Amino acid sequence: QVQLVESGGGLVQTGGSLRLSCAASERTFSSYAMAWFRQAPGKEREFVAGITESGLSTYYADSVKGRFTISRDNAKNTVYLQLNSVKPEDTAVYYCATGGLFSTSRSGQRYWGQGTQVTVSS
């Protein structure tokens, strides 16, 4: 089973930056598309960003376009989410996930990390 472990969450002020990391245990990580989701209290878990296995194509939710950047380092079995110009509405638990093929849906994901909390102060 693929294990995904997120890190890098924390408290950040509005307008600040944060980088989240997701380390995968799977040695065939390079063949998996990856995605980041987030879930705020009382809300559904929503798609944030995705990246194909090659890293050549990326996709973002409209709410984060121009502010967040997803990237990957297949040599390190790690996917990143760079959060810039953060807003209070970015506050959520952030999860990395994979379903093999690229998907923006929750049902398209087979493996999930435990999540890391991001809190943006006003």
C-alpha atoms as a PDB file:
ATOM      1  CA  GLN A   1       0.000   0.000   0.000  1.00  0.00           C
ATOM      2  CA  VAL A   2       1.180   3.507  -0.817  1.00  0.00           C
ATOM      3  CA  GLN A   3       1.853   5.628   2.245  1.00  0.00           C
ATOM      4  CA  LEU A   4       1.669   9.401   1.931  1.00  0.00           C
ATOM      5  CA  VAL A   5       2.904  11.715   4.674  1.00  0.00           C
ATOM      6  CA  GLU A   6       2.301  15.463   4.564  1.00  0.00           C
ATOM      7  CA  SER A   7       4.369  18.041   6.380  1.00  0.00           C
ATOM      8  CA  GLY A   8       4.973  21.772   6.406  1.00  0.00           C
ATOM      9  CA  GLY A   9       1.653  23.019   7.704  1.00  0.00           C
ATOM     10  CA  GLY A  10       1.388  25.654  10.368  1.00  0.00           C
ATOM     11  CA  LEU A  11       0.288  29.170  11.178  1.00  0.00           C
ATOM     12  CA  VAL A  12       0.921  31.886   8.619  1.00  0.00           C
ATOM     13  CA  GLN A  13      -0.228  35.476   8.297  1.00  0.00           C
ATOM     14  CA  THR A  14      -2.398  36.758   5.474  1.00  0.00           C
ATOM     15  CA  GLY A  15      -0.211  37.429   2.448  1.00  0.00           C
ATOM     16  CA  GLY A  16       2.490  35.080   3.619  1.00  0.00           C
ATOM     17  CA  SER A  17       3.861  31.875   2.147  1.00  0.00           C
ATOM     18  CA  LEU A  18       4.099  28.252   3.128  1.00  0.00           C
ATOM     19  CA  ARG A  19       5.377  25.110   1.435  1.00  0.00           C
ATOM     20  CA  LEU A  20       3.734  21.766   2.016  1.00  0.00           C
ATOM     21  CA  SER A  21       5.460  18.488   1.267  1.00  0.00           C
ATOM     22  CA  CYS A  22       4.077  15.023   0.696  1.00  0.00           C
ATOM     23  CA  ALA A  23       6.487  12.114   0.852  1.00  0.00           C
ATOM     24  CA  ALA A  24       5.499   8.809  -0.707  1.00  0.00           C
ATOM     25  CA  SER A  25       6.773   5.413   0.346  1.00  0.00           C
ATOM     26  CA  GLU A  26       6.197   3.894  -3.063  1.00  0.00           C
ATOM     27  CA  ARG A  27       9.262   3.419  -5.229  1.00  0.00           C
ATOM     28  CA  THR A  28       7.110   3.649  -8.369  1.00  0.00           C
ATOM     29  CA  PHE A  29       5.989   7.136  -7.356  1.00  0.00           C
ATOM     30  CA  SER A  30       7.080   8.498 -10.722  1.00  0.00           C
ATOM     31  CA  SER A  31       4.225   6.637 -12.435  1.00  0.00           C
ATOM     32  CA  TYR A  32       1.512   8.261 -10.277  1.00  0.00           C
ATOM     33  CA  ALA A  33      -0.326  11.482 -10.877  1.00  0.00           C
ATOM     34  CA  MET A  34      -0.711  13.397  -7.611  1.00  0.00           C
ATOM     35  CA  ALA A  35      -3.218  15.819  -6.183  1.00  0.00           C
ATOM     36  CA  TRP A  36      -3.733  18.113  -3.224  1.00  0.00           C
ATOM     37  CA  PHE A  37      -7.109  18.529  -1.549  1.00  0.00           C
ATOM     38  CA  ARG A  38      -8.191  20.583   1.417  1.00  0.00           C
ATOM     39  CA  GLN A  39     -11.030  20.495   3.897  1.00  0.00           C
ATOM     40  CA  ALA A  40     -12.203  23.364   6.052  1.00  0.00           C
ATOM     41  CA  PRO A  41     -14.431  22.826   9.107  1.00  0.00           C
ATOM     42  CA  GLY A  42     -17.992  22.048   8.081  1.00  0.00           C
ATOM     43  CA  LYS A  43     -17.130  21.864   4.395  1.00  0.00           C
ATOM     44  CA  GLU A  44     -16.561  19.152   1.832  1.00  0.00           C
ATOM     45  CA  ARG A  45     -13.060  18.102   0.925  1.00  0.00           C
ATOM     46  CA  GLU A  46     -12.210  19.974  -2.251  1.00  0.00           C
ATOM     47  CA  PHE A  47      -9.665  19.705  -5.013  1.00  0.00           C
ATOM     48  CA  VAL A  48      -6.851  22.233  -4.854  1.00  0.00           C
ATOM     49  CA  ALA A  49      -4.158  21.230  -7.336  1.00  0.00           C
ATOM     50  CA  GLY A  50      -3.020  18.284  -9.399  1.00  0.00           C
ATOM     51  CA  ILE A  51       0.030  17.242 -11.346  1.00  0.00           C
ATOM     52  CA  THR A  52       0.602  14.532 -13.916  1.00  0.00           C
ATOM     53  CA  GLU A  53       3.187  11.816 -13.402  1.00  0.00           C
ATOM     54  CA  SER A  54       5.681  13.626 -15.596  1.00  0.00           C
ATOM     55  CA  GLY A  55       5.176  16.955 -13.880  1.00  0.00           C
ATOM     56  CA  LEU A  56       4.613  18.585 -17.249  1.00  0.00           C
ATOM     57  CA  SER A  57       0.935  19.388 -16.685  1.00  0.00           C
ATOM     58  CA  THR A  58      -0.646  21.015 -13.660  1.00  0.00           C
ATOM     59  CA  TYR A  59      -4.219  21.913 -12.725  1.00  0.00           C
ATOM     60  CA  TYR A  60      -5.609  24.269 -10.111  1.00  0.00           C
ATOM     61  CA  ALA A  61      -8.889  25.172  -8.550  1.00  0.00           C
ATOM     62  CA  ASP A  62      -9.986  28.660  -9.565  1.00  0.00           C
ATOM     63  CA  SER A  63      -9.722  29.818  -5.974  1.00  0.00           C
ATOM     64  CA  VAL A  64      -5.961  29.234  -5.851  1.00  0.00           C
ATOM     65  CA  LYS A  65      -4.817  29.946  -9.412  1.00  0.00           C
ATOM     66  CA  GLY A  66      -1.942  32.366  -9.501  1.00  0.00           C
ATOM     67  CA  ARG A  67      -1.200  31.859  -5.815  1.00  0.00           C
ATOM     68  CA  PHE A  68      -0.450  28.151  -5.329  1.00  0.00           C
ATOM     69  CA  THR A  69       2.036  26.020  -7.234  1.00  0.00           C
ATOM     70  CA  ILE A  70       2.191  22.244  -7.299  1.00  0.00           C
ATOM     71  CA  SER A  71       5.437  20.520  -8.209  1.00  0.00           C
ATOM     72  CA  ARG A  72       7.128  17.171  -7.780  1.00  0.00           C
ATOM     73  CA  ASP A  73      10.550  15.668  -7.413  1.00  0.00           C
ATOM     74  CA  ASN A  74      10.340  12.069  -8.539  1.00  0.00           C
ATOM     75  CA  ALA A  75      13.890  11.371  -7.419  1.00  0.00           C
ATOM     76  CA  LYS A  76      12.759  12.168  -3.866  1.00  0.00           C
ATOM     77  CA  ASN A  77       9.290  10.594  -4.161  1.00  0.00           C
ATOM     78  CA  THR A  78       7.852  13.913  -3.056  1.00  0.00           C
ATOM     79  CA  VAL A  79       5.155  16.300  -4.224  1.00  0.00           C
ATOM     80  CA  TYR A  80       5.002  19.902  -3.038  1.00  0.00           C
ATOM     81  CA  LEU A  81       2.405  22.612  -2.751  1.00  0.00           C
ATOM     82  CA  GLN A  82       3.733  26.139  -2.544  1.00  0.00           C
ATOM     83  CA  LEU A  83       1.196  28.516  -1.021  1.00  0.00           C
ATOM     84  CA  ASN A  84       1.789  32.186  -1.730  1.00  0.00           C
ATOM     85  CA  SER A  85      -0.299  35.250  -0.945  1.00  0.00           C
ATOM     86  CA  VAL A  86      -2.415  33.196   1.409  1.00  0.00           C
ATOM     87  CA  LYS A  87      -5.838  34.322   2.559  1.00  0.00           C
ATOM     88  CA  PRO A  88      -7.884  33.422   5.646  1.00  0.00           C
ATOM     89  CA  GLU A  89     -10.152  31.310   3.439  1.00  0.00           C
ATOM     90  CA  ASP A  90      -7.167  29.067   2.695  1.00  0.00           C
ATOM     91  CA  THR A  91      -7.372  27.791   6.264  1.00  0.00           C
ATOM     92  CA  ALA A  92      -7.982  24.050   6.095  1.00  0.00           C
ATOM     93  CA  VAL A  93      -6.458  20.640   6.534  1.00  0.00           C
ATOM     94  CA  TYR A  94      -4.489  19.870   3.394  1.00  0.00           C
ATOM     95  CA  TYR A  95      -4.226  16.326   2.078  1.00  0.00           C
ATOM     96  CA  CYS A  96      -2.181  14.795  -0.673  1.00  0.00           C
ATOM     97  CA  ALA A  97      -3.622  11.912  -2.625  1.00  0.00           C
ATOM     98  CA  THR A  98      -3.157   9.699  -5.633  1.00  0.00           C
ATOM     99  CA  GLY A  99      -5.271   7.400  -7.746  1.00  0.00           C
ATOM    100  CA  GLY A 100      -2.603   6.565 -10.293  1.00  0.00           C
ATOM    101  CA  LEU A 101      -4.162   8.421 -13.181  1.00  0.00           C
ATOM    102  CA  PHE A 102      -4.821  12.117 -12.848  1.00  0.00           C
ATOM    103  CA  SER A 103      -8.159  13.009 -11.291  1.00  0.00           C
ATOM    104  CA  THR A 104      -9.664  16.067  -9.629  1.00  0.00           C
ATOM    105  CA  SER A 105     -12.345  14.078  -7.812  1.00  0.00           C
ATOM    106  CA  ARG A 106     -12.288  12.539  -4.358  1.00  0.00           C
ATOM    107  CA  SER A 107     -13.546   9.255  -5.743  1.00  0.00           C
ATOM    108  CA  GLY A 108     -10.647   9.189  -8.167  1.00  0.00           C
ATOM    109  CA  GLN A 109      -8.125   8.952  -5.350  1.00  0.00           C
ATOM    110  CA  ARG A 110      -7.042   5.599  -3.923  1.00  0.00           C
ATOM    111  CA  TYR A 111      -4.540   6.705  -1.293  1.00  0.00           C
ATOM    112  CA  TRP A 112      -4.593   9.645   1.105  1.00  0.00           C
ATOM    113  CA  GLY A 113      -2.158  11.195   3.516  1.00  0.00           C
ATOM    114  CA  GLN A 114      -3.113  12.034   7.094  1.00  0.00           C
ATOM    115  CA  GLY A 115      -3.370  15.744   6.380  1.00  0.00           C
ATOM    116  CA  THR A 116      -1.538  18.807   7.627  1.00  0.00           C
ATOM    117  CA  GLN A 117      -3.201  21.871   9.132  1.00  0.00           C
ATOM    118  CA  VAL A 118      -2.755  25.274   7.532  1.00  0.00           C
ATOM    119  CA  THR A 119      -4.097  28.232   9.470  1.00  0.00           C
ATOM    120  CA  VAL A 120      -4.036  31.720   7.980  1.00  0.00           C
ATOM    121  CA  SER A 121      -4.443  34.552  10.453  1.00  0.00           C
ATOM    122  CA  SER A 122      -6.161  37.802   9.507  1.00  0.00           C
END
